[in-house]
Amino acid sequence: ELVAVVNSDRRRNLYGTNYADSVKGRFTISRDNAKNTTTLQMNSLQ
């Protein structure tokens, strides 16, 4: 299942972040475009 994603799709004009409902408010996704990296900070883990 999808947890979180960062979109930057020029062709489809899709930008921003999406989260699964179960992780909203607890997980944060970020992306460093220059380094081609993504980080998922997970808090209040269950």
ModelCIF file with pLDDT and N, C-alpha, C, O atoms, coordinates in Angstrom:
data_MODEL
#
_entry.id   MODEL 
#
_entity.id                         1 
_entity.type                       polymer 
_entity.pdbx_number_of_molecules   1 
#
_entity_poly.entity_id                      1 
_entity_poly.type                           'polypeptide(L)' 
_entity_poly.nstd_linkage                   no 
_entity_poly.nstd_monomer                   no 
_entity_poly.pdbx_seq_one_letter_code       ELVAVVNSDRRRNLYGTNYADSVKGRFTISRDNAKNTTTLQMNSLQ 
_entity_poly.pdbx_seq_one_letter_code_can   ELVAVVNSDRRRNLYGTNYADSVKGRFTISRDNAKNTTTLQMNSLQ 
_entity_poly.pdbx_strand_id                 A 
#
loop_
_entity_poly_seq.entity_id 
_entity_poly_seq.num 
_entity_poly_seq.mon_id 
_entity_poly_seq.hetero 
1 1  GLU n 
1 2  LEU n 
1 3  VAL n 
1 4  ALA n 
1 5  VAL n 
1 6  VAL n 
1 7  ASN n 
1 8  SER n 
1 9  ASP n 
1 10 ARG n 
1 11 ARG n 
1 12 ARG n 
1 13 ASN n 
1 14 LEU n 
1 15 TYR n 
1 16 GLY n 
1 17 THR n 
1 18 ASN n 
1 19 TYR n 
1 20 ALA n 
1 21 ASP n 
1 22 SER n 
1 23 VAL n 
1 24 LYS n 
1 25 GLY n 
1 26 ARG n 
1 27 PHE n 
1 28 THR n 
1 29 ILE n 
1 30 SER n 
1 31 ARG n 
1 32 ASP n 
1 33 ASN n 
1 34 ALA n 
1 35 LYS n 
1 36 ASN n 
1 37 THR n 
1 38 THR n 
1 39 THR n 
1 40 LEU n 
1 41 GLN n 
1 42 MET n 
1 43 ASN n 
1 44 SER n 
1 45 LEU n 
1 46 GLN n 
#
_struct_asym.id          A 
_struct_asym.entity_id   1 
#
loop_
_ma_qa_metric.id 
_ma_qa_metric.mode 
_ma_qa_metric.name 
_ma_qa_metric.software_group_id 
_ma_qa_metric.type 
1 global pLDDT . pLDDT 
2 local  pLDDT . pLDDT 
#
_ma_qa_metric_global.metric_id      1 
_ma_qa_metric_global.metric_value   92.83 
_ma_qa_metric_global.model_id       1 
_ma_qa_metric_global.ordinal_id     1 
#
loop_
_ma_qa_metric_local.label_asym_id 
_ma_qa_metric_local.label_comp_id 
_ma_qa_metric_local.label_seq_id 
_ma_qa_metric_local.metric_id 
_ma_qa_metric_local.metric_value 
_ma_qa_metric_local.model_id 
_ma_qa_metric_local.ordinal_id 
A GLU 1  2 97.00 1 1  
A LEU 2  2 97.00 1 2  
A VAL 3  2 98.00 1 3  
A ALA 4  2 98.00 1 4  
A VAL 5  2 97.00 1 5  
A VAL 6  2 95.00 1 6  
A ASN 7  2 90.00 1 7  
A SER 8  2 85.00 1 8  
A ASP 9  2 80.00 1 9  
A ARG 10 2 76.00 1 10 
A ARG 11 2 78.00 1 11 
A ARG 12 2 78.00 1 12 
A ASN 13 2 73.00 1 13 
A LEU 14 2 74.00 1 14 
A TYR 15 2 80.00 1 15 
A GLY 16 2 89.00 1 16 
A THR 17 2 94.00 1 17 
A ASN 18 2 94.00 1 18 
A TYR 19 2 97.00 1 19 
A ALA 20 2 97.00 1 20 
A ASP 21 2 97.00 1 21 
A SER 22 2 97.00 1 22 
A VAL 23 2 98.00 1 23 
A LYS 24 2 97.00 1 24 
A GLY 25 2 97.00 1 25 
A ARG 26 2 98.00 1 26 
A PHE 27 2 98.00 1 27 
A THR 28 2 97.00 1 28 
A ILE 29 2 97.00 1 29 
A SER 30 2 95.00 1 30 
A ARG 31 2 94.00 1 31 
A ASP 32 2 93.00 1 32 
A ASN 33 2 89.00 1 33 
A ALA 34 2 91.00 1 34 
A LYS 35 2 94.00 1 35 
A ASN 36 2 95.00 1 36 
A THR 37 2 96.00 1 37 
A THR 38 2 97.00 1 38 
A THR 39 2 97.00 1 39 
A LEU 40 2 98.00 1 40 
A GLN 41 2 98.00 1 41 
A MET 42 2 98.00 1 42 
A ASN 43 2 98.00 1 43 
A SER 44 2 98.00 1 44 
A LEU 45 2 98.00 1 45 
A GLN 46 2 98.00 1 46 
#
loop_
_atom_site.group_PDB 
_atom_site.id 
_atom_site.type_symbol 
_atom_site.label_atom_id 
_atom_site.label_alt_id 
_atom_site.label_comp_id 
_atom_site.label_asym_id 
_atom_site.label_entity_id 
_atom_site.label_seq_id 
_atom_site.pdbx_PDB_ins_code 
_atom_site.Cartn_x 
_atom_site.Cartn_y 
_atom_site.Cartn_z 
_atom_site.occupancy 
_atom_site.B_iso_or_equiv 
_atom_site.pdbx_formal_charge 
_atom_site.auth_seq_id 
_atom_site.auth_comp_id 
_atom_site.auth_asym_id 
_atom_site.auth_atom_id 
_atom_site.pdbx_PDB_model_num 
ATOM 1   N N  . GLU A 1 1  ? 0.826  -1.201 0.000   1.00 97.00 ? 1  GLU A N  1 
ATOM 2   C CA . GLU A 1 1  ? 0.000  0.000  0.000   1.00 97.00 ? 1  GLU A CA 1 
ATOM 3   C C  . GLU A 1 1  ? 0.861  1.252  0.000   1.00 97.00 ? 1  GLU A C  1 
ATOM 4   O O  . GLU A 1 1  ? 1.985  1.254  0.502   1.00 97.00 ? 1  GLU A O  1 
ATOM 5   N N  . LEU A 1 2  ? 0.314  2.314  -0.572  1.00 97.00 ? 2  LEU A N  1 
ATOM 6   C CA . LEU A 1 2  ? 1.002  3.589  -0.592  1.00 97.00 ? 2  LEU A CA 1 
ATOM 7   C C  . LEU A 1 2  ? 1.023  4.178  0.814   1.00 97.00 ? 2  LEU A C  1 
ATOM 8   O O  . LEU A 1 2  ? 0.015  4.167  1.521   1.00 97.00 ? 2  LEU A O  1 
ATOM 9   N N  . VAL A 1 3  ? 2.177  4.689  1.206   1.00 98.00 ? 3  VAL A N  1 
ATOM 10  C CA . VAL A 1 3  ? 2.307  5.390  2.486   1.00 98.00 ? 3  VAL A CA 1 
ATOM 11  C C  . VAL A 1 3  ? 2.339  6.898  2.236   1.00 98.00 ? 3  VAL A C  1 
ATOM 12  O O  . VAL A 1 3  ? 1.530  7.645  2.787   1.00 98.00 ? 3  VAL A O  1 
ATOM 13  N N  . ALA A 1 4  ? 3.274  7.333  1.407   1.00 98.00 ? 4  ALA A N  1 
ATOM 14  C CA . ALA A 1 4  ? 3.415  8.757  1.130   1.00 98.00 ? 4  ALA A CA 1 
ATOM 15  C C  . ALA A 1 4  ? 4.198  8.931  -0.165  1.00 98.00 ? 4  ALA A C  1 
ATOM 16  O O  . ALA A 1 4  ? 5.039  8.100  -0.510  1.00 98.00 ? 4  ALA A O  1 
ATOM 17  N N  . VAL A 1 5  ? 3.916  10.017 -0.877  1.00 97.00 ? 5  VAL A N  1 
ATOM 18  C CA . VAL A 1 5  ? 4.591  10.263 -2.140  1.00 97.00 ? 5  VAL A CA 1 
ATOM 19  C C  . VAL A 1 5  ? 4.715  11.765 -2.368  1.00 97.00 ? 5  VAL A C  1 
ATOM 20  O O  . VAL A 1 5  ? 3.862  12.551 -1.958  1.00 97.00 ? 5  VAL A O  1 
ATOM 21  N N  . VAL A 1 6  ? 5.807  12.136 -3.035  1.00 95.00 ? 6  VAL A N  1 
ATOM 22  C CA . VAL A 1 6  ? 6.005  13.509 -3.488  1.00 95.00 ? 6  VAL A CA 1 
ATOM 23  C C  . VAL A 1 6  ? 5.941  13.506 -5.006  1.00 95.00 ? 6  VAL A C  1 
ATOM 24  O O  . VAL A 1 6  ? 6.722  12.815 -5.661  1.00 95.00 ? 6  VAL A O  1 
ATOM 25  N N  . ASN A 1 7  ? 5.014  14.275 -5.568  1.00 90.00 ? 7  ASN A N  1 
ATOM 26  C CA . ASN A 1 7  ? 4.831  14.357 -7.014  1.00 90.00 ? 7  ASN A CA 1 
ATOM 27  C C  . ASN A 1 7  ? 5.477  15.619 -7.552  1.00 90.00 ? 7  ASN A C  1 
ATOM 28  O O  . ASN A 1 7  ? 5.380  16.692 -6.957  1.00 90.00 ? 7  ASN A O  1 
ATOM 29  N N  . SER A 1 8  ? 6.146  15.467 -8.703  1.00 85.00 ? 8  SER A N  1 
ATOM 30  C CA . SER A 1 8  ? 6.650  16.630 -9.431  1.00 85.00 ? 8  SER A CA 1 
ATOM 31  C C  . SER A 1 8  ? 6.644  16.281 -10.909 1.00 85.00 ? 8  SER A C  1 
ATOM 32  O O  . SER A 1 8  ? 7.687  16.258 -11.563 1.00 85.00 ? 8  SER A O  1 
ATOM 33  N N  . ASP A 1 9  ? 5.463  16.011 -11.418 1.00 80.00 ? 9  ASP A N  1 
ATOM 34  C CA . ASP A 1 9  ? 5.284  15.513 -12.782 1.00 80.00 ? 9  ASP A CA 1 
ATOM 35  C C  . ASP A 1 9  ? 4.858  16.651 -13.693 1.00 80.00 ? 9  ASP A C  1 
ATOM 36  O O  . ASP A 1 9  ? 3.710  17.093 -13.651 1.00 80.00 ? 9  ASP A O  1 
ATOM 37  N N  . ARG A 1 10 ? 5.789  17.125 -14.520 1.00 76.00 ? 10 ARG A N  1 
ATOM 38  C CA . ARG A 1 10 ? 5.497  18.249 -15.402 1.00 76.00 ? 10 ARG A CA 1 
ATOM 39  C C  . ARG A 1 10 ? 4.492  17.872 -16.478 1.00 76.00 ? 10 ARG A C  1 
ATOM 40  O O  . ARG A 1 10 ? 3.604  18.657 -16.811 1.00 76.00 ? 10 ARG A O  1 
ATOM 41  N N  . ARG A 1 11 ? 4.635  16.652 -17.025 1.00 78.00 ? 11 ARG A N  1 
ATOM 42  C CA . ARG A 1 11 ? 3.771  16.257 -18.133 1.00 78.00 ? 11 ARG A CA 1 
ATOM 43  C C  . ARG A 1 11 ? 2.317  16.179 -17.713 1.00 78.00 ? 11 ARG A C  1 
ATOM 44  O O  . ARG A 1 11 ? 1.427  16.581 -18.462 1.00 78.00 ? 11 ARG A O  1 
ATOM 45  N N  . ARG A 1 12 ? 2.071  15.660 -16.507 1.00 78.00 ? 12 ARG A N  1 
ATOM 46  C CA . ARG A 1 12 ? 0.697  15.500 -16.036 1.00 78.00 ? 12 ARG A CA 1 
ATOM 47  C C  . ARG A 1 12 ? 0.270  16.641 -15.124 1.00 78.00 ? 12 ARG A C  1 
ATOM 48  O O  . ARG A 1 12 ? -0.860 16.662 -14.635 1.00 78.00 ? 12 ARG A O  1 
ATOM 49  N N  . ASN A 1 13 ? 1.184  17.600 -14.893 1.00 73.00 ? 13 ASN A N  1 
ATOM 50  C CA . ASN A 1 13 ? 0.892  18.727 -14.015 1.00 73.00 ? 13 ASN A CA 1 
ATOM 51  C C  . ASN A 1 13 ? 0.448  18.250 -12.634 1.00 73.00 ? 13 ASN A C  1 
ATOM 52  O O  . ASN A 1 13 ? -0.557 18.709 -12.092 1.00 73.00 ? 13 ASN A O  1 
ATOM 53  N N  . LEU A 1 14 ? 1.233  17.306 -12.074 1.00 74.00 ? 14 LEU A N  1 
ATOM 54  C CA . LEU A 1 14 ? 0.932  16.789 -10.757 1.00 74.00 ? 14 LEU A CA 1 
ATOM 55  C C  . LEU A 1 14 ? 2.040  17.186 -9.800  1.00 74.00 ? 14 LEU A C  1 
ATOM 56  O O  . LEU A 1 14 ? 3.198  16.824 -10.007 1.00 74.00 ? 14 LEU A O  1 
ATOM 57  N N  . TYR A 1 15 ? 1.698  17.928 -8.755  1.00 80.00 ? 15 TYR A N  1 
ATOM 58  C CA . TYR A 1 15 ? 2.680  18.390 -7.790  1.00 80.00 ? 15 TYR A CA 1 
ATOM 59  C C  . TYR A 1 15 ? 2.122  18.239 -6.387  1.00 80.00 ? 15 TYR A C  1 
ATOM 60  O O  . TYR A 1 15 ? 0.910  18.240 -6.176  1.00 80.00 ? 15 TYR A O  1 
ATOM 61  N N  . GLY A 1 16 ? 3.036  18.108 -5.431  1.00 89.00 ? 16 GLY A N  1 
ATOM 62  C CA . GLY A 1 16 ? 2.623  18.065 -4.034  1.00 89.00 ? 16 GLY A CA 1 
ATOM 63  C C  . GLY A 1 16 ? 2.811  16.708 -3.414  1.00 89.00 ? 16 GLY A C  1 
ATOM 64  O O  . GLY A 1 16 ? 3.404  15.809 -4.011  1.00 89.00 ? 16 GLY A O  1 
ATOM 65  N N  . THR A 1 17 ? 2.303  16.567 -2.220  1.00 94.00 ? 17 THR A N  1 
ATOM 66  C CA . THR A 1 17 ? 2.461  15.337 -1.451  1.00 94.00 ? 17 THR A CA 1 
ATOM 67  C C  . THR A 1 17 ? 1.111  14.673 -1.205  1.00 94.00 ? 17 THR A C  1 
ATOM 68  O O  . THR A 1 17 ? 0.082  15.343 -1.115  1.00 94.00 ? 17 THR A O  1 
ATOM 69  N N  . ASN A 1 18 ? 1.130  13.350 -1.099  1.00 94.00 ? 18 ASN A N  1 
ATOM 70  C CA . ASN A 1 18 ? -0.048 12.574 -0.744  1.00 94.00 ? 18 ASN A CA 1 
ATOM 71  C C  . ASN A 1 18 ? 0.322  11.592 0.349   1.00 94.00 ? 18 ASN A C  1 
ATOM 72  O O  . ASN A 1 18 ? 1.422  11.040 0.357   1.00 94.00 ? 18 ASN A O  1 
ATOM 73  N N  . TYR A 1 19 ? -0.597 11.378 1.264   1.00 97.00 ? 19 TYR A N  1 
ATOM 74  C CA . TYR A 1 19 ? -0.385 10.451 2.371   1.00 97.00 ? 19 TYR A CA 1 
ATOM 75  C C  . TYR A 1 19 ? -1.559 9.489  2.488   1.00 97.00 ? 19 TYR A C  1 
ATOM 76  O O  . TYR A 1 19 ? -2.699 9.831  2.172   1.00 97.00 ? 19 TYR A O  1 
ATOM 77  N N  . ALA A 1 20 ? -1.259 8.283  2.948   1.00 97.00 ? 20 ALA A N  1 
ATOM 78  C CA . ALA A 1 20 ? -2.332 7.379  3.333   1.00 97.00 ? 20 ALA A CA 1 
ATOM 79  C C  . ALA A 1 20 ? -3.040 7.966  4.555   1.00 97.00 ? 20 ALA A C  1 
ATOM 80  O O  . ALA A 1 20 ? -2.408 8.587  5.409   1.00 97.00 ? 20 ALA A O  1 
ATOM 81  N N  . ASP A 1 21 ? -4.340 7.765  4.630   1.00 97.00 ? 21 ASP A N  1 
ATOM 82  C CA . ASP A 1 21 ? -5.097 8.311  5.762   1.00 97.00 ? 21 ASP A CA 1 
ATOM 83  C C  . ASP A 1 21 ? -4.550 7.829  7.100   1.00 97.00 ? 21 ASP A C  1 
ATOM 84  O O  . ASP A 1 21 ? -4.578 8.562  8.088   1.00 97.00 ? 21 ASP A O  1 
ATOM 85  N N  . SER A 1 22 ? -4.060 6.611  7.128   1.00 97.00 ? 22 SER A N  1 
ATOM 86  C CA . SER A 1 22 ? -3.605 6.015  8.376   1.00 97.00 ? 22 SER A CA 1 
ATOM 87  C C  . SER A 1 22 ? -2.338 6.655  8.930   1.00 97.00 ? 22 SER A C  1 
ATOM 88  O O  . SER A 1 22 ? -2.009 6.456  10.099  1.00 97.00 ? 22 SER A O  1 
ATOM 89  N N  . VAL A 1 23 ? -1.620 7.422  8.106   1.00 98.00 ? 23 VAL A N  1 
ATOM 90  C CA . VAL A 1 23 ? -0.364 8.011  8.568   1.00 98.00 ? 23 VAL A CA 1 
ATOM 91  C C  . VAL A 1 23 ? -0.402 9.535  8.617   1.00 98.00 ? 23 VAL A C  1 
ATOM 92  O O  . VAL A 1 23 ? 0.554  10.163 9.071   1.00 98.00 ? 23 VAL A O  1 
ATOM 93  N N  . LYS A 1 24 ? -1.497 10.132 8.155   1.00 97.00 ? 24 LYS A N  1 
ATOM 94  C CA . LYS A 1 24 ? -1.593 11.594 8.152   1.00 97.00 ? 24 LYS A CA 1 
ATOM 95  C C  . LYS A 1 24 ? -1.448 12.134 9.565   1.00 97.00 ? 24 LYS A C  1 
ATOM 96  O O  . LYS A 1 24 ? -2.051 11.627 10.511  1.00 97.00 ? 24 LYS A O  1 
ATOM 97  N N  . GLY A 1 25 ? -0.634 13.174 9.685   1.00 97.00 ? 25 GLY A N  1 
ATOM 98  C CA . GLY A 1 25 ? -0.388 13.775 10.990  1.00 97.00 ? 25 GLY A CA 1 
ATOM 99  C C  . GLY A 1 25 ? 0.723  13.114 11.774  1.00 97.00 ? 25 GLY A C  1 
ATOM 100 O O  . GLY A 1 25 ? 1.175  13.653 12.784  1.00 97.00 ? 25 GLY A O  1 
ATOM 101 N N  . ARG A 1 26 ? 1.175  11.938 11.318  1.00 98.00 ? 26 ARG A N  1 
ATOM 102 C CA . ARG A 1 26 ? 2.251  11.241 12.030  1.00 98.00 ? 26 ARG A CA 1 
ATOM 103 C C  . ARG A 1 26 ? 3.515  11.121 11.183  1.00 98.00 ? 26 ARG A C  1 
ATOM 104 O O  . ARG A 1 26 ? 4.627  11.181 11.708  1.00 98.00 ? 26 ARG A O  1 
ATOM 105 N N  . PHE A 1 27 ? 3.342  10.952 9.881   1.00 98.00 ? 27 PHE A N  1 
ATOM 106 C CA . PHE A 1 27 ? 4.477  10.778 8.975   1.00 98.00 ? 27 PHE A CA 1 
ATOM 107 C C  . PHE A 1 27 ? 4.643  12.040 8.124   1.00 98.00 ? 27 PHE A C  1 
ATOM 108 O O  . PHE A 1 27 ? 3.668  12.707 7.776   1.00 98.00 ? 27 PHE A O  1 
ATOM 109 N N  . THR A 1 28 ? 5.888  12.345 7.802   1.00 97.00 ? 28 THR A N  1 
ATOM 110 C CA . THR A 1 28 ? 6.184  13.475 6.927   1.00 97.00 ? 28 THR A CA 1 
ATOM 111 C C  . THR A 1 28 ? 7.190  13.035 5.879   1.00 97.00 ? 28 THR A C  1 
ATOM 112 O O  . THR A 1 28 ? 8.241  12.484 6.204   1.00 97.00 ? 28 THR A O  1 
ATOM 113 N N  . ILE A 1 29 ? 6.858  13.284 4.619   1.00 97.00 ? 29 ILE A N  1 
ATOM 114 C CA . ILE A 1 29 ? 7.772  12.951 3.534   1.00 97.00 ? 29 ILE A CA 1 
ATOM 115 C C  . ILE A 1 29 ? 8.408  14.227 3.009   1.00 97.00 ? 29 ILE A C  1 
ATOM 116 O O  . ILE A 1 29 ? 7.766  15.274 2.929   1.00 97.00 ? 29 ILE A O  1 
ATOM 117 N N  . SER A 1 30 ? 9.668  14.121 2.657   1.00 95.00 ? 30 SER A N  1 
ATOM 118 C CA . SER A 1 30 ? 10.365 15.246 2.056   1.00 95.00 ? 30 SER A CA 1 
ATOM 119 C C  . SER A 1 30 ? 11.261 14.723 0.942   1.00 95.00 ? 30 SER A C  1 
ATOM 120 O O  . SER A 1 30 ? 11.561 13.531 0.868   1.00 95.00 ? 30 SER A O  1 
ATOM 121 N N  . ARG A 1 31 ? 11.676 15.632 0.085   1.00 94.00 ? 31 ARG A N  1 
ATOM 122 C CA . ARG A 1 31 ? 12.493 15.228 -1.053  1.00 94.00 ? 31 ARG A CA 1 
ATOM 123 C C  . ARG A 1 31 ? 13.540 16.296 -1.328  1.00 94.00 ? 31 ARG A C  1 
ATOM 124 O O  . ARG A 1 31 ? 13.271 17.495 -1.249  1.00 94.00 ? 31 ARG A O  1 
ATOM 125 N N  . ASP A 1 32 ? 14.734 15.832 -1.651  1.00 93.00 ? 32 ASP A N  1 
ATOM 126 C CA . ASP A 1 32 ? 15.824 16.709 -2.053  1.00 93.00 ? 32 ASP A CA 1 
ATOM 127 C C  . ASP A 1 32 ? 16.054 16.461 -3.547  1.00 93.00 ? 32 ASP A C  1 
ATOM 128 O O  . ASP A 1 32 ? 16.645 15.452 -3.930  1.00 93.00 ? 32 ASP A O  1 
ATOM 129 N N  . ASN A 1 33 ? 15.585 17.381 -4.380  1.00 89.00 ? 33 ASN A N  1 
ATOM 130 C CA . ASN A 1 33 ? 15.678 17.182 -5.824  1.00 89.00 ? 33 ASN A CA 1 
ATOM 131 C C  . ASN A 1 33 ? 17.125 17.150 -6.315  1.00 89.00 ? 33 ASN A C  1 
ATOM 132 O O  . ASN A 1 33 ? 17.448 16.422 -7.253  1.00 89.00 ? 33 ASN A O  1 
ATOM 133 N N  . ALA A 1 34 ? 17.976 17.924 -5.693  1.00 91.00 ? 34 ALA A N  1 
ATOM 134 C CA . ALA A 1 34 ? 19.370 17.988 -6.140  1.00 91.00 ? 34 ALA A CA 1 
ATOM 135 C C  . ALA A 1 34 ? 20.116 16.679 -5.876  1.00 91.00 ? 34 ALA A C  1 
ATOM 136 O O  . ALA A 1 34 ? 21.032 16.314 -6.614  1.00 91.00 ? 34 ALA A O  1 
ATOM 137 N N  . LYS A 1 35 ? 19.715 15.986 -4.822  1.00 94.00 ? 35 LYS A N  1 
ATOM 138 C CA . LYS A 1 35 ? 20.411 14.752 -4.443  1.00 94.00 ? 35 LYS A CA 1 
ATOM 139 C C  . LYS A 1 35 ? 19.626 13.496 -4.822  1.00 94.00 ? 35 LYS A C  1 
ATOM 140 O O  . LYS A 1 35 ? 20.097 12.381 -4.599  1.00 94.00 ? 35 LYS A O  1 
ATOM 141 N N  . ASN A 1 36 ? 18.439 13.669 -5.388  1.00 95.00 ? 36 ASN A N  1 
ATOM 142 C CA . ASN A 1 36 ? 17.581 12.529 -5.748  1.00 95.00 ? 36 ASN A CA 1 
ATOM 143 C C  . ASN A 1 36 ? 17.310 11.642 -4.540  1.00 95.00 ? 36 ASN A C  1 
ATOM 144 O O  . ASN A 1 36 ? 17.401 10.417 -4.621  1.00 95.00 ? 36 ASN A O  1 
ATOM 145 N N  . THR A 1 37 ? 16.983 12.261 -3.441  1.00 96.00 ? 37 THR A N  1 
ATOM 146 C CA . THR A 1 37 ? 16.701 11.513 -2.231  1.00 96.00 ? 37 THR A CA 1 
ATOM 147 C C  . THR A 1 37 ? 15.318 11.862 -1.685  1.00 96.00 ? 37 THR A C  1 
ATOM 148 O O  . THR A 1 37 ? 14.782 12.937 -1.953  1.00 96.00 ? 37 THR A O  1 
ATOM 149 N N  . THR A 1 38 ? 14.763 10.948 -0.929  1.00 97.00 ? 38 THR A N  1 
ATOM 150 C CA . THR A 1 38 ? 13.537 11.200 -0.221  1.00 97.00 ? 38 THR A CA 1 
ATOM 151 C C  . THR A 1 38 ? 13.667 10.666 1.195   1.00 97.00 ? 38 THR A C  1 
ATOM 152 O O  . THR A 1 38 ? 14.337 9.659  1.428   1.00 97.00 ? 38 THR A O  1 
ATOM 153 N N  . THR A 1 39 ? 13.030 11.338 2.132   1.00 97.00 ? 39 THR A N  1 
ATOM 154 C CA . THR A 1 39 ? 13.089 10.956 3.540   1.00 97.00 ? 39 THR A CA 1 
ATOM 155 C C  . THR A 1 39 ? 11.675 10.845 4.089   1.00 97.00 ? 39 THR A C  1 
ATOM 156 O O  . THR A 1 39 ? 10.818 11.680 3.799   1.00 97.00 ? 39 THR A O  1 
ATOM 157 N N  . LEU A 1 40 ? 11.441 9.820  4.872   1.00 98.00 ? 40 LEU A N  1 
ATOM 158 C CA . LEU A 1 40 ? 10.145 9.632  5.523   1.00 98.00 ? 40 LEU A CA 1 
ATOM 159 C C  . LEU A 1 40 ? 10.376 9.685  7.028   1.00 98.00 ? 40 LEU A C  1 
ATOM 160 O O  . LEU A 1 40 ? 10.979 8.780  7.606   1.00 98.00 ? 40 LEU A O  1 
ATOM 161 N N  . GLN A 1 41 ? 9.898  10.735 7.648   1.00 98.00 ? 41 GLN A N  1 
ATOM 162 C CA . GLN A 1 41 ? 9.981  10.868 9.095   1.00 98.00 ? 41 GLN A CA 1 
ATOM 163 C C  . GLN A 1 41 ? 8.717  10.267 9.678   1.00 98.00 ? 41 GLN A C  1 
ATOM 164 O O  . GLN A 1 41 ? 7.614  10.722 9.374   1.00 98.00 ? 41 GLN A O  1 
ATOM 165 N N  . MET A 1 42 ? 8.868  9.252  10.511  1.00 98.00 ? 42 MET A N  1 
ATOM 166 C CA . MET A 1 42 ? 7.722  8.538  11.079  1.00 98.00 ? 42 MET A CA 1 
ATOM 167 C C  . MET A 1 42 ? 7.696  8.750  12.581  1.00 98.00 ? 42 MET A C  1 
ATOM 168 O O  . MET A 1 42 ? 8.617  8.344  13.289  1.00 98.00 ? 42 MET A O  1 
ATOM 169 N N  . ASN A 1 43 ? 6.645  9.382  13.063  1.00 98.00 ? 43 ASN A N  1 
ATOM 170 C CA . ASN A 1 43 ? 6.465  9.649  14.486  1.00 98.00 ? 43 ASN A CA 1 
ATOM 171 C C  . ASN A 1 43 ? 5.238  8.913  15.003  1.00 98.00 ? 43 ASN A C  1 
ATOM 172 O O  . ASN A 1 43 ? 4.388  8.469  14.231  1.00 98.00 ? 43 ASN A O  1 
ATOM 173 N N  . SER A 1 44 ? 5.163  8.795  16.309  1.00 98.00 ? 44 SER A N  1 
ATOM 174 C CA . SER A 1 44 ? 4.022  8.141  16.958  1.00 98.00 ? 44 SER A CA 1 
ATOM 175 C C  . SER A 1 44 ? 3.730  6.780  16.328  1.00 98.00 ? 44 SER A C  1 
ATOM 176 O O  . SER A 1 44 ? 2.584  6.455  16.018  1.00 98.00 ? 44 SER A O  1 
ATOM 177 N N  . LEU A 1 45 ? 4.773  6.008  16.151  1.00 98.00 ? 45 LEU A N  1 
ATOM 178 C CA . LEU A 1 45 ? 4.626  4.721  15.482  1.00 98.00 ? 45 LEU A CA 1 
ATOM 179 C C  . LEU A 1 45 ? 3.774  3.762  16.313  1.00 98.00 ? 45 LEU A C  1 
ATOM 180 O O  . LEU A 1 45 ? 3.819  3.758  17.543  1.00 98.00 ? 45 LEU A O  1 
ATOM 181 N N  . GLN A 1 46 ? 3.001  2.954  15.598  1.00 98.00 ? 46 GLN A N  1 
ATOM 182 C CA . GLN A 1 46 ? 2.096  2.006  16.217  1.00 98.00 ? 46 GLN A CA 1 
ATOM 183 C C  . GLN A 1 46 ? 2.411  0.605  15.695  1.00 98.00 ? 46 GLN A C  1 
ATOM 184 O O  . GLN A 1 46 ? 1.760  -0.362 16.089  1.00 98.00 ? 46 GLN A O  1 
#
